[in-house]
Amino acid sequence: MLDYVALGLLFFVILVMFYGVIVVHDIPYEIAVERNHPQQDAIHVAGWISLFTLGAIWPFLWIWATLYKEDIGWGFQSGSYKDLKPGTAKNLQSEVDELKTELSVIKQLLNQQQSKES
């Protein structure tokens, strides 16, 4: 009787480990789905391939899945005009022009104040 319990426990442990490995190798795909990654299917296929390579490419899949964010994209162009919405550059240019005029007014006031002191 104890032999059957041990055999059942052995099958249970093997089954849990089998499905556990599959779930762990599917984590990059789940990250890609959550971030609405444009290459979700490729990450999913690569995750299955990584099972056959004993997880050798799995860390790279994790990095690949986490690089993309839906709101900022790949993030390599941050701070450039390519990320701005249409019309935003014009708004920025008008703000810069306003700041330049304010700065020139402040400089004139400082020059007048310095000339009165001397």
N, C-alpha and C. Protein backbone atom coordinates (compact mmCIF):
# COMPACT_ATOMS: atom_id res chain seq x y z
N MET A 1 0.81 -1.19 0.00
CA MET A 1 0.00 0.00 0.00
C MET A 1 0.87 1.27 0.00
N LEU A 2 1.92 1.26 0.81
CA LEU A 2 2.81 2.41 0.89
C LEU A 2 3.56 2.63 -0.43
N ASP A 3 3.77 1.56 -1.18
CA ASP A 3 4.42 1.68 -2.49
C ASP A 3 3.55 2.48 -3.46
N TYR A 4 2.25 2.27 -3.41
CA TYR A 4 1.34 2.99 -4.31
C TYR A 4 1.26 4.47 -3.94
N VAL A 5 1.29 4.78 -2.65
CA VAL A 5 1.29 6.17 -2.21
C VAL A 5 2.56 6.86 -2.68
N ALA A 6 3.70 6.19 -2.55
CA ALA A 6 4.97 6.78 -2.98
C ALA A 6 4.97 6.97 -4.50
N LEU A 7 4.44 6.00 -5.23
CA LEU A 7 4.36 6.12 -6.68
C LEU A 7 3.43 7.27 -7.09
N GLY A 8 2.30 7.40 -6.43
CA GLY A 8 1.37 8.51 -6.70
C GLY A 8 2.02 9.85 -6.40
N LEU A 9 2.73 9.92 -5.28
CA LEU A 9 3.43 11.15 -4.90
C LEU A 9 4.51 11.49 -5.93
N LEU A 10 5.22 10.48 -6.41
CA LEU A 10 6.25 10.70 -7.42
C LEU A 10 5.65 11.25 -8.71
N PHE A 11 4.53 10.67 -9.16
CA PHE A 11 3.86 11.19 -10.36
C PHE A 11 3.36 12.62 -10.15
N PHE A 12 2.83 12.90 -8.97
CA PHE A 12 2.34 14.23 -8.66
C PHE A 12 3.47 15.26 -8.71
N VAL A 13 4.60 14.94 -8.11
CA VAL A 13 5.75 15.86 -8.09
C VAL A 13 6.27 16.08 -9.51
N ILE A 14 6.36 15.03 -10.28
CA ILE A 14 6.83 15.16 -11.67
C ILE A 14 5.87 16.01 -12.48
N LEU A 15 4.57 15.81 -12.29
CA LEU A 15 3.57 16.59 -13.01
C LEU A 15 3.62 18.06 -12.63
N VAL A 16 3.76 18.35 -11.34
CA VAL A 16 3.85 19.74 -10.87
C VAL A 16 5.12 20.40 -11.40
N MET A 17 6.22 19.69 -11.40
CA MET A 17 7.47 20.26 -11.92
C MET A 17 7.36 20.52 -13.43
N PHE A 18 6.73 19.60 -14.16
CA PHE A 18 6.55 19.75 -15.60
C PHE A 18 5.76 21.02 -15.91
N TYR A 19 4.62 21.16 -15.27
CA TYR A 19 3.79 22.34 -15.52
C TYR A 19 4.43 23.61 -14.94
N GLY A 20 5.18 23.48 -13.88
CA GLY A 20 5.89 24.63 -13.31
C GLY A 20 6.91 25.18 -14.26
N VAL A 21 7.64 24.31 -14.93
CA VAL A 21 8.64 24.75 -15.91
C VAL A 21 7.96 25.46 -17.06
N ILE A 22 6.82 24.95 -17.50
CA ILE A 22 6.09 25.59 -18.60
C ILE A 22 5.60 26.97 -18.17
N VAL A 23 5.07 27.08 -16.96
CA VAL A 23 4.57 28.37 -16.47
C VAL A 23 5.71 29.36 -16.34
N VAL A 24 6.85 28.93 -15.83
CA VAL A 24 7.99 29.84 -15.67
C VAL A 24 8.49 30.32 -17.04
N HIS A 25 8.51 29.43 -18.03
CA HIS A 25 8.98 29.84 -19.35
C HIS A 25 7.96 30.70 -20.08
N ASP A 26 6.75 30.79 -19.57
CA ASP A 26 5.72 31.61 -20.18
C ASP A 26 5.65 33.01 -19.57
N ILE A 27 6.45 33.30 -18.56
CA ILE A 27 6.43 34.61 -17.89
C ILE A 27 6.75 35.76 -18.86
N PRO A 28 7.77 35.67 -19.71
CA PRO A 28 8.01 36.79 -20.64
C PRO A 28 6.81 37.07 -21.55
N TYR A 29 6.12 36.02 -21.96
CA TYR A 29 4.93 36.22 -22.80
C TYR A 29 3.84 36.95 -22.01
N GLU A 30 3.65 36.59 -20.76
CA GLU A 30 2.65 37.26 -19.93
C GLU A 30 3.01 38.73 -19.73
N ILE A 31 4.29 39.02 -19.56
CA ILE A 31 4.74 40.41 -19.45
C ILE A 31 4.43 41.15 -20.75
N ALA A 32 4.71 40.51 -21.89
CA ALA A 32 4.46 41.13 -23.19
C ALA A 32 2.98 41.41 -23.39
N VAL A 33 2.12 40.49 -22.97
CA VAL A 33 0.68 40.71 -23.10
C VAL A 33 0.24 41.87 -22.22
N GLU A 34 0.77 41.93 -21.01
CA GLU A 34 0.40 43.00 -20.08
C GLU A 34 0.83 44.37 -20.60
N ARG A 35 1.97 44.43 -21.26
CA ARG A 35 2.48 45.70 -21.78
C ARG A 35 2.02 45.98 -23.20
N ASN A 36 1.19 45.11 -23.75
CA ASN A 36 0.69 45.25 -25.11
C ASN A 36 1.85 45.36 -26.11
N HIS A 37 2.79 44.45 -25.96
CA HIS A 37 4.00 44.40 -26.78
C HIS A 37 3.64 44.08 -28.22
N PRO A 38 4.23 44.77 -29.20
CA PRO A 38 3.89 44.51 -30.60
C PRO A 38 4.39 43.15 -31.11
N GLN A 39 5.30 42.51 -30.38
CA GLN A 39 5.84 41.23 -30.83
C GLN A 39 5.52 40.10 -29.84
N GLN A 40 4.29 40.11 -29.33
CA GLN A 40 3.87 39.12 -28.34
C GLN A 40 4.01 37.69 -28.87
N ASP A 41 3.57 37.49 -30.10
CA ASP A 41 3.60 36.13 -30.66
C ASP A 41 5.02 35.60 -30.79
N ALA A 42 5.94 36.47 -31.20
CA ALA A 42 7.34 36.04 -31.33
C ALA A 42 7.92 35.68 -29.97
N ILE A 43 7.57 36.45 -28.95
CA ILE A 43 8.05 36.14 -27.60
C ILE A 43 7.46 34.83 -27.11
N HIS A 44 6.20 34.58 -27.45
CA HIS A 44 5.56 33.33 -27.04
C HIS A 44 6.23 32.12 -27.70
N VAL A 45 6.48 32.22 -28.99
CA VAL A 45 7.15 31.13 -29.71
C VAL A 45 8.57 30.93 -29.18
N ALA A 46 9.27 32.02 -28.95
CA ALA A 46 10.64 31.93 -28.44
C ALA A 46 10.65 31.32 -27.04
N GLY A 47 9.57 31.55 -26.27
CA GLY A 47 9.47 30.92 -24.95
C GLY A 47 9.37 29.41 -25.06
N TRP A 48 8.62 28.92 -26.04
CA TRP A 48 8.54 27.47 -26.25
C TRP A 48 9.88 26.91 -26.76
N ILE A 49 10.54 27.67 -27.62
CA ILE A 49 11.85 27.23 -28.09
C ILE A 49 12.83 27.19 -26.93
N SER A 50 12.68 28.13 -26.00
CA SER A 50 13.58 28.17 -24.86
C SER A 50 13.43 26.93 -23.96
N LEU A 51 12.26 26.29 -24.01
CA LEU A 51 12.10 25.02 -23.28
C LEU A 51 13.04 23.96 -23.84
N PHE A 52 13.21 23.96 -25.16
CA PHE A 52 14.06 22.95 -25.79
C PHE A 52 15.54 23.29 -25.69
N THR A 53 15.85 24.55 -25.42
CA THR A 53 17.25 24.94 -25.22
C THR A 53 17.61 24.99 -23.73
N LEU A 54 16.73 24.41 -22.92
CA LEU A 54 16.92 24.33 -21.47
C LEU A 54 17.03 25.72 -20.84
N GLY A 55 16.29 26.67 -21.38
CA GLY A 55 16.22 28.00 -20.79
C GLY A 55 17.38 28.90 -21.11
N ALA A 56 18.18 28.55 -22.09
CA ALA A 56 19.37 29.36 -22.40
C ALA A 56 19.00 30.75 -22.91
N ILE A 57 17.90 30.86 -23.66
CA ILE A 57 17.52 32.16 -24.19
C ILE A 57 16.45 32.85 -23.35
N TRP A 58 16.00 32.21 -22.29
CA TRP A 58 14.91 32.75 -21.48
C TRP A 58 15.22 34.12 -20.88
N PRO A 59 16.41 34.38 -20.34
CA PRO A 59 16.68 35.73 -19.81
C PRO A 59 16.59 36.82 -20.88
N PHE A 60 16.98 36.49 -22.09
CA PHE A 60 16.89 37.46 -23.17
C PHE A 60 15.43 37.73 -23.53
N LEU A 61 14.58 36.72 -23.42
CA LEU A 61 13.15 36.93 -23.66
C LEU A 61 12.56 37.85 -22.60
N TRP A 62 13.00 37.67 -21.37
CA TRP A 62 12.52 38.54 -20.29
C TRP A 62 12.89 40.00 -20.58
N ILE A 63 14.14 40.21 -20.99
CA ILE A 63 14.59 41.57 -21.32
C ILE A 63 13.80 42.12 -22.51
N TRP A 64 13.61 41.31 -23.52
CA TRP A 64 12.89 41.71 -24.72
C TRP A 64 11.46 42.11 -24.37
N ALA A 65 10.83 41.36 -23.49
CA ALA A 65 9.44 41.65 -23.12
C ALA A 65 9.33 42.90 -22.26
N THR A 66 10.33 43.16 -21.44
CA THR A 66 10.23 44.30 -20.53
C THR A 66 10.74 45.61 -21.14
N LEU A 67 11.42 45.56 -22.28
CA LEU A 67 11.91 46.79 -22.90
C LEU A 67 10.79 47.68 -23.41
N TYR A 68 9.70 47.10 -23.85
CA TYR A 68 8.63 47.87 -24.46
C TYR A 68 7.58 48.25 -23.42
N LYS A 69 7.18 49.53 -23.45
CA LYS A 69 6.07 50.00 -22.62
C LYS A 69 5.09 50.70 -23.55
N GLU A 70 3.82 50.45 -23.34
CA GLU A 70 2.82 50.95 -24.28
C GLU A 70 2.79 52.48 -24.34
N ASP A 71 2.98 53.15 -23.22
CA ASP A 71 2.87 54.60 -23.22
C ASP A 71 4.08 55.31 -23.80
N ILE A 72 5.28 54.72 -23.69
CA ILE A 72 6.48 55.39 -24.22
C ILE A 72 7.17 54.61 -25.33
N GLY A 73 6.66 53.45 -25.68
CA GLY A 73 7.27 52.64 -26.73
C GLY A 73 8.55 51.99 -26.24
N TRP A 74 9.56 52.00 -27.07
CA TRP A 74 10.83 51.37 -26.71
C TRP A 74 11.66 52.25 -25.80
N GLY A 75 11.40 53.56 -25.78
CA GLY A 75 12.08 54.44 -24.85
C GLY A 75 13.44 54.91 -25.30
N PHE A 76 13.82 54.62 -26.52
CA PHE A 76 15.14 55.02 -27.00
C PHE A 76 15.16 56.45 -27.51
N GLN A 77 13.99 57.06 -27.73
CA GLN A 77 13.94 58.38 -28.33
C GLN A 77 13.42 59.40 -27.33
N SER A 78 13.54 59.13 -26.05
CA SER A 78 13.01 60.07 -25.07
C SER A 78 13.76 61.39 -25.15
N GLY A 79 13.03 62.47 -25.04
CA GLY A 79 13.63 63.78 -25.09
C GLY A 79 13.79 64.32 -26.50
N SER A 80 13.38 63.58 -27.49
CA SER A 80 13.51 64.07 -28.86
C SER A 80 12.14 64.53 -29.37
N TYR A 81 12.14 65.24 -30.46
CA TYR A 81 10.90 65.73 -31.03
C TYR A 81 10.08 64.63 -31.69
N LYS A 82 10.65 63.46 -31.89
CA LYS A 82 9.92 62.37 -32.52
C LYS A 82 8.80 61.86 -31.62
N ASP A 83 8.96 61.99 -30.30
CA ASP A 83 7.95 61.49 -29.37
C ASP A 83 6.81 62.47 -29.15
N LEU A 84 6.96 63.71 -29.61
CA LEU A 84 5.96 64.72 -29.35
C LEU A 84 4.77 64.55 -30.28
N LYS A 85 3.61 64.93 -29.77
CA LYS A 85 2.41 64.89 -30.58
C LYS A 85 2.42 66.07 -31.54
N PRO A 86 1.66 65.99 -32.63
CA PRO A 86 1.63 67.11 -33.58
C PRO A 86 1.16 68.39 -32.90
N GLY A 87 1.82 69.48 -33.17
CA GLY A 87 1.47 70.76 -32.59
C GLY A 87 2.20 71.06 -31.29
N THR A 88 2.79 70.04 -30.66
CA THR A 88 3.47 70.26 -29.40
C THR A 88 4.76 71.04 -29.60
N ALA A 89 5.45 70.79 -30.69
CA ALA A 89 6.70 71.52 -30.95
C ALA A 89 6.41 73.01 -31.14
N LYS A 90 5.29 73.33 -31.77
CA LYS A 90 4.92 74.74 -31.93
C LYS A 90 4.64 75.37 -30.57
N ASN A 91 3.96 74.62 -29.70
CA ASN A 91 3.69 75.13 -28.35
C ASN A 91 4.99 75.35 -27.59
N LEU A 92 5.92 74.43 -27.73
CA LEU A 92 7.20 74.59 -27.06
C LEU A 92 7.96 75.80 -27.60
N GLN A 93 7.90 76.00 -28.91
CA GLN A 93 8.59 77.13 -29.51
C GLN A 93 7.99 78.45 -29.02
N SER A 94 6.67 78.49 -28.91
CA SER A 94 6.04 79.72 -28.41
C SER A 94 6.40 79.96 -26.95
N GLU A 95 6.50 78.92 -26.16
CA GLU A 95 6.91 79.08 -24.76
C GLU A 95 8.34 79.60 -24.67
N VAL A 96 9.21 79.07 -25.52
CA VAL A 96 10.61 79.53 -25.53
C VAL A 96 10.67 81.00 -25.92
N ASP A 97 9.88 81.40 -26.91
CA ASP A 97 9.86 82.81 -27.33
C ASP A 97 9.37 83.71 -26.19
N GLU A 98 8.34 83.27 -25.48
CA GLU A 98 7.83 84.05 -24.34
C GLU A 98 8.90 84.19 -23.26
N LEU A 99 9.60 83.10 -22.99
CA LEU A 99 10.66 83.14 -21.97
C LEU A 99 11.80 84.07 -22.39
N LYS A 100 12.11 84.08 -23.68
CA LYS A 100 13.17 84.97 -24.17
C LYS A 100 12.77 86.44 -23.99
N THR A 101 11.52 86.76 -24.29
CA THR A 101 11.08 88.14 -24.11
C THR A 101 11.07 88.53 -22.63
N GLU A 102 10.62 87.62 -21.77
CA GLU A 102 10.65 87.90 -20.34
C GLU A 102 12.08 88.10 -19.84
N LEU A 103 13.00 87.30 -20.34
CA LEU A 103 14.40 87.42 -19.95
C LEU A 103 14.97 88.76 -20.41
N SER A 104 14.63 89.19 -21.62
CA SER A 104 15.15 90.48 -22.10
C SER A 104 14.58 91.63 -21.27
N VAL A 105 13.32 91.54 -20.85
CA VAL A 105 12.73 92.56 -19.98
C VAL A 105 13.44 92.60 -18.64
N ILE A 106 13.72 91.45 -18.07
CA ILE A 106 14.43 91.39 -16.79
C ILE A 106 15.82 91.97 -16.92
N LYS A 107 16.52 91.67 -18.02
CA LYS A 107 17.86 92.22 -18.25
C LYS A 107 17.80 93.73 -18.35
N GLN A 108 16.81 94.26 -19.04
CA GLN A 108 16.67 95.72 -19.17
C GLN A 108 16.43 96.36 -17.80
N LEU A 109 15.58 95.73 -16.98
CA LEU A 109 15.31 96.26 -15.65
C LEU A 109 16.56 96.23 -14.78
N LEU A 110 17.33 95.17 -14.87
CA LEU A 110 18.57 95.07 -14.11
C LEU A 110 19.57 96.12 -14.56
N ASN A 111 19.68 96.35 -15.88
CA ASN A 111 20.59 97.37 -16.40
C ASN A 111 20.17 98.77 -15.93
N GLN A 112 18.87 99.03 -15.93
CA GLN A 112 18.38 100.34 -15.44
C GLN A 112 18.67 100.51 -13.97
N GLN A 113 18.48 99.43 -13.20
CA GLN A 113 18.74 99.50 -11.76
C GLN A 113 20.22 99.72 -11.49
N GLN A 114 21.08 99.06 -12.25
CA GLN A 114 22.53 99.22 -12.06
C GLN A 114 22.97 100.63 -12.47
N SER A 115 22.35 101.18 -13.51
CA SER A 115 22.73 102.53 -13.93
C SER A 115 22.27 103.59 -12.92
N LYS A 116 21.17 103.36 -12.24
CA LYS A 116 20.71 104.29 -11.20
C LYS A 116 21.63 104.24 -9.97
N GLU A 117 22.15 103.06 -9.66
CA GLU A 117 23.02 102.90 -8.49
C GLU A 117 24.39 103.55 -8.71
N SER A 118 24.84 103.63 -9.94
CA SER A 118 26.17 104.18 -10.18
C SER A 118 26.18 105.62 -10.54
